[in-house]
Amino acid sequence: MKKLIAIIFISAAALLAVPKVHAQGQQSLKNAAGRVLDTVTNTGTKTLTSQPIVGRISGVTVTESTVNISGTQSGIARLFGSLDGVTYYRVRSTMLHNSQVDSLVITTAPTAQNYAWFVDGNPFNYYQIQVTGVGTVSFSVKGKIKSN
């Protein structure tokens, strides 16, 4: 019985320790290793994910920015959302404010290296950006999320 109580206590403590972003919160997206900055190389894909977003909010802003390291910067960034943090679904333009573009084509142009998606409401608990390189290239990527 003592072991069962200890397991329940540890499980409850672990659930409470997960950081959450409440209304008006901001956080950096992180890769699987917990880093806020990652490097896309050639045709590889890097994924940056948020912590759970909770609370009654009117919208979510997800940003991504890239910095070229070598080669001609080229790639694509897409936004995904998840209810459980395991299975992610593509966030399409119909879910975005004013039906904005749902994927960013990354080029050497300064306006194509930073992008923000504005999601109306909060249809998901987790958000993720996936950035894929095109050609022979290396660039860093980072992202942030803010609930409104």
Protein backbone atom coordinates (compact mmCIF):
# COMPACT_ATOMS: atom_id res chain seq x y z
CA MET A 1 0.00 0.00 0.00
CA LYS A 2 2.86 2.38 0.82
CA LYS A 3 4.35 1.76 -2.63
CA LEU A 4 1.04 2.57 -4.30
CA ILE A 5 0.74 5.83 -2.36
CA ALA A 6 4.34 6.71 -3.26
CA ILE A 7 3.68 6.05 -6.96
CA ILE A 8 0.54 8.21 -6.90
CA PHE A 9 2.41 11.01 -5.11
CA ILE A 10 5.33 10.92 -7.59
CA SER A 11 2.93 10.88 -10.56
CA ALA A 12 1.01 13.87 -9.22
CA ALA A 13 4.25 15.78 -8.58
CA ALA A 14 5.44 15.08 -12.12
CA LEU A 15 2.19 16.38 -13.62
CA LEU A 16 2.38 19.56 -11.57
CA ALA A 17 6.00 20.15 -12.57
CA VAL A 18 5.20 20.48 -16.30
CA PRO A 19 5.43 24.19 -17.16
CA LYS A 20 2.36 25.61 -18.84
CA VAL A 21 1.80 28.86 -20.67
CA HIS A 22 -1.28 30.69 -19.48
CA ALA A 23 -2.96 33.69 -21.07
CA GLN A 24 -0.43 36.41 -21.94
CA GLY A 25 2.47 33.96 -21.53
CA GLN A 26 5.46 33.65 -23.85
CA GLN A 27 7.98 30.86 -24.24
CA SER A 28 10.63 29.56 -26.59
CA LEU A 29 9.92 26.45 -28.63
CA LYS A 30 12.38 23.63 -27.95
CA ASN A 31 13.75 20.64 -29.83
CA ALA A 32 13.68 17.09 -28.42
CA ALA A 33 16.93 17.76 -26.51
CA GLY A 34 15.40 20.83 -24.83
CA ARG A 35 17.42 23.38 -26.83
CA VAL A 36 15.86 26.58 -28.19
CA LEU A 37 18.18 26.75 -31.22
CA ASP A 38 18.66 24.00 -33.80
CA THR A 39 20.47 23.65 -37.13
CA VAL A 40 18.90 22.46 -40.37
CA THR A 41 21.43 20.78 -42.66
CA ASN A 42 20.75 20.07 -46.35
CA THR A 43 17.34 18.37 -46.70
CA GLY A 44 17.01 17.53 -43.01
CA THR A 45 13.99 18.50 -40.91
CA LYS A 46 14.14 20.05 -37.44
CA THR A 47 11.19 20.22 -35.08
CA LEU A 48 10.61 22.76 -32.32
CA THR A 49 7.70 22.19 -29.91
CA SER A 50 5.85 24.23 -27.26
CA GLN A 51 4.92 23.30 -23.73
CA PRO A 52 1.15 22.92 -23.14
CA ILE A 53 -0.92 26.05 -23.75
CA VAL A 54 -3.81 26.28 -21.28
CA GLY A 55 -6.48 28.75 -20.32
CA ARG A 56 -9.13 30.76 -22.08
CA ILE A 57 -7.32 32.80 -24.73
CA SER A 58 -8.32 34.64 -27.87
CA GLY A 59 -5.37 33.54 -29.96
CA VAL A 60 -1.86 32.17 -30.21
CA THR A 61 1.11 33.69 -32.04
CA VAL A 62 3.88 31.33 -33.16
CA THR A 63 7.06 32.79 -34.64
CA GLU A 64 10.07 31.27 -36.36
CA SER A 65 13.30 32.81 -37.49
CA THR A 66 16.30 31.48 -39.37
CA VAL A 67 19.90 32.58 -39.83
CA ASN A 68 22.01 31.28 -42.71
CA ILE A 69 25.22 29.45 -41.79
CA SER A 70 26.43 28.20 -45.19
CA GLY A 71 25.14 27.64 -48.70
CA THR A 72 22.16 29.44 -50.20
CA GLN A 73 19.45 29.48 -47.60
CA SER A 74 16.41 27.60 -48.86
CA GLY A 75 13.71 25.62 -47.08
CA ILE A 76 10.13 25.50 -45.85
CA ALA A 77 8.56 25.95 -42.40
CA ARG A 78 5.16 24.58 -41.42
CA LEU A 79 3.01 24.89 -38.29
CA PHE A 80 1.44 21.88 -36.57
CA GLY A 81 -0.85 21.48 -33.57
CA SER A 82 -1.68 18.63 -31.19
CA LEU A 83 -4.22 17.89 -28.48
CA ASP A 84 -2.06 15.31 -26.68
CA GLY A 85 1.53 16.29 -27.53
CA VAL A 86 1.99 13.03 -29.43
CA THR A 87 -0.01 13.20 -32.67
CA TYR A 88 0.42 16.47 -34.59
CA TYR A 89 -1.84 17.87 -37.32
CA ARG A 90 -1.03 20.50 -39.89
CA VAL A 91 -2.47 23.92 -39.07
CA ARG A 92 -4.10 25.00 -42.33
CA SER A 93 -4.76 28.55 -43.50
CA THR A 94 -8.46 28.30 -42.60
CA MET A 95 -7.48 28.08 -38.91
CA LEU A 96 -5.21 31.13 -39.15
CA HIS A 97 -6.24 34.75 -38.73
CA ASN A 98 -7.46 36.21 -42.05
CA SER A 99 -6.58 32.90 -43.75
CA GLN A 100 -2.88 33.80 -43.83
CA VAL A 101 -0.36 31.55 -45.58
CA ASP A 102 0.11 28.31 -43.64
CA SER A 103 3.69 27.56 -44.70
CA LEU A 104 6.73 29.75 -45.19
CA VAL A 105 9.10 29.30 -48.11
CA ILE A 106 12.50 30.20 -46.65
CA THR A 107 14.87 32.02 -49.04
CA THR A 108 17.75 34.47 -48.79
CA ALA A 109 15.31 37.41 -48.78
CA PRO A 110 15.17 39.03 -45.31
CA THR A 111 11.36 38.90 -45.31
CA ALA A 112 11.45 35.12 -45.86
CA GLN A 113 13.64 34.38 -42.85
CA ASN A 114 11.19 35.40 -40.13
CA TYR A 115 7.51 34.56 -39.97
CA ALA A 116 4.60 34.66 -37.53
CA TRP A 117 1.46 32.56 -37.59
CA PHE A 118 -1.60 34.01 -35.81
CA VAL A 119 -3.97 31.22 -34.75
CA ASP A 120 -7.50 32.31 -33.87
CA GLY A 121 -8.54 30.92 -30.51
CA ASN A 122 -6.60 28.01 -29.08
CA PRO A 123 -7.68 24.88 -30.99
CA PHE A 124 -4.67 22.85 -29.79
CA ASN A 125 -2.83 22.27 -26.52
CA TYR A 126 0.61 22.01 -28.15
CA TYR A 127 2.17 23.72 -31.17
CA GLN A 128 5.15 22.70 -33.25
CA ILE A 129 7.07 24.10 -36.19
CA GLN A 130 8.85 21.80 -38.61
CA VAL A 131 11.56 23.31 -40.78
CA THR A 132 13.02 21.42 -43.74
CA GLY A 133 16.04 22.48 -45.78
CA VAL A 134 16.22 22.39 -49.57
CA GLY A 135 19.51 21.70 -51.38
CA THR A 136 22.98 22.07 -49.92
CA VAL A 137 22.46 24.46 -47.04
CA SER A 138 22.93 24.93 -43.32
CA PHE A 139 20.92 27.40 -41.23
CA SER A 140 19.84 27.83 -37.63
CA VAL A 141 16.19 27.97 -36.60
CA LYS A 142 14.41 29.10 -33.44
CA GLY A 143 10.82 29.80 -32.52
CA LYS A 144 8.63 31.39 -29.86
CA ILE A 145 4.99 31.19 -28.89
CA LYS A 146 2.77 33.69 -27.14
CA SER A 147 -0.84 33.34 -26.07
CA ASN A 148 -3.05 36.41 -26.29
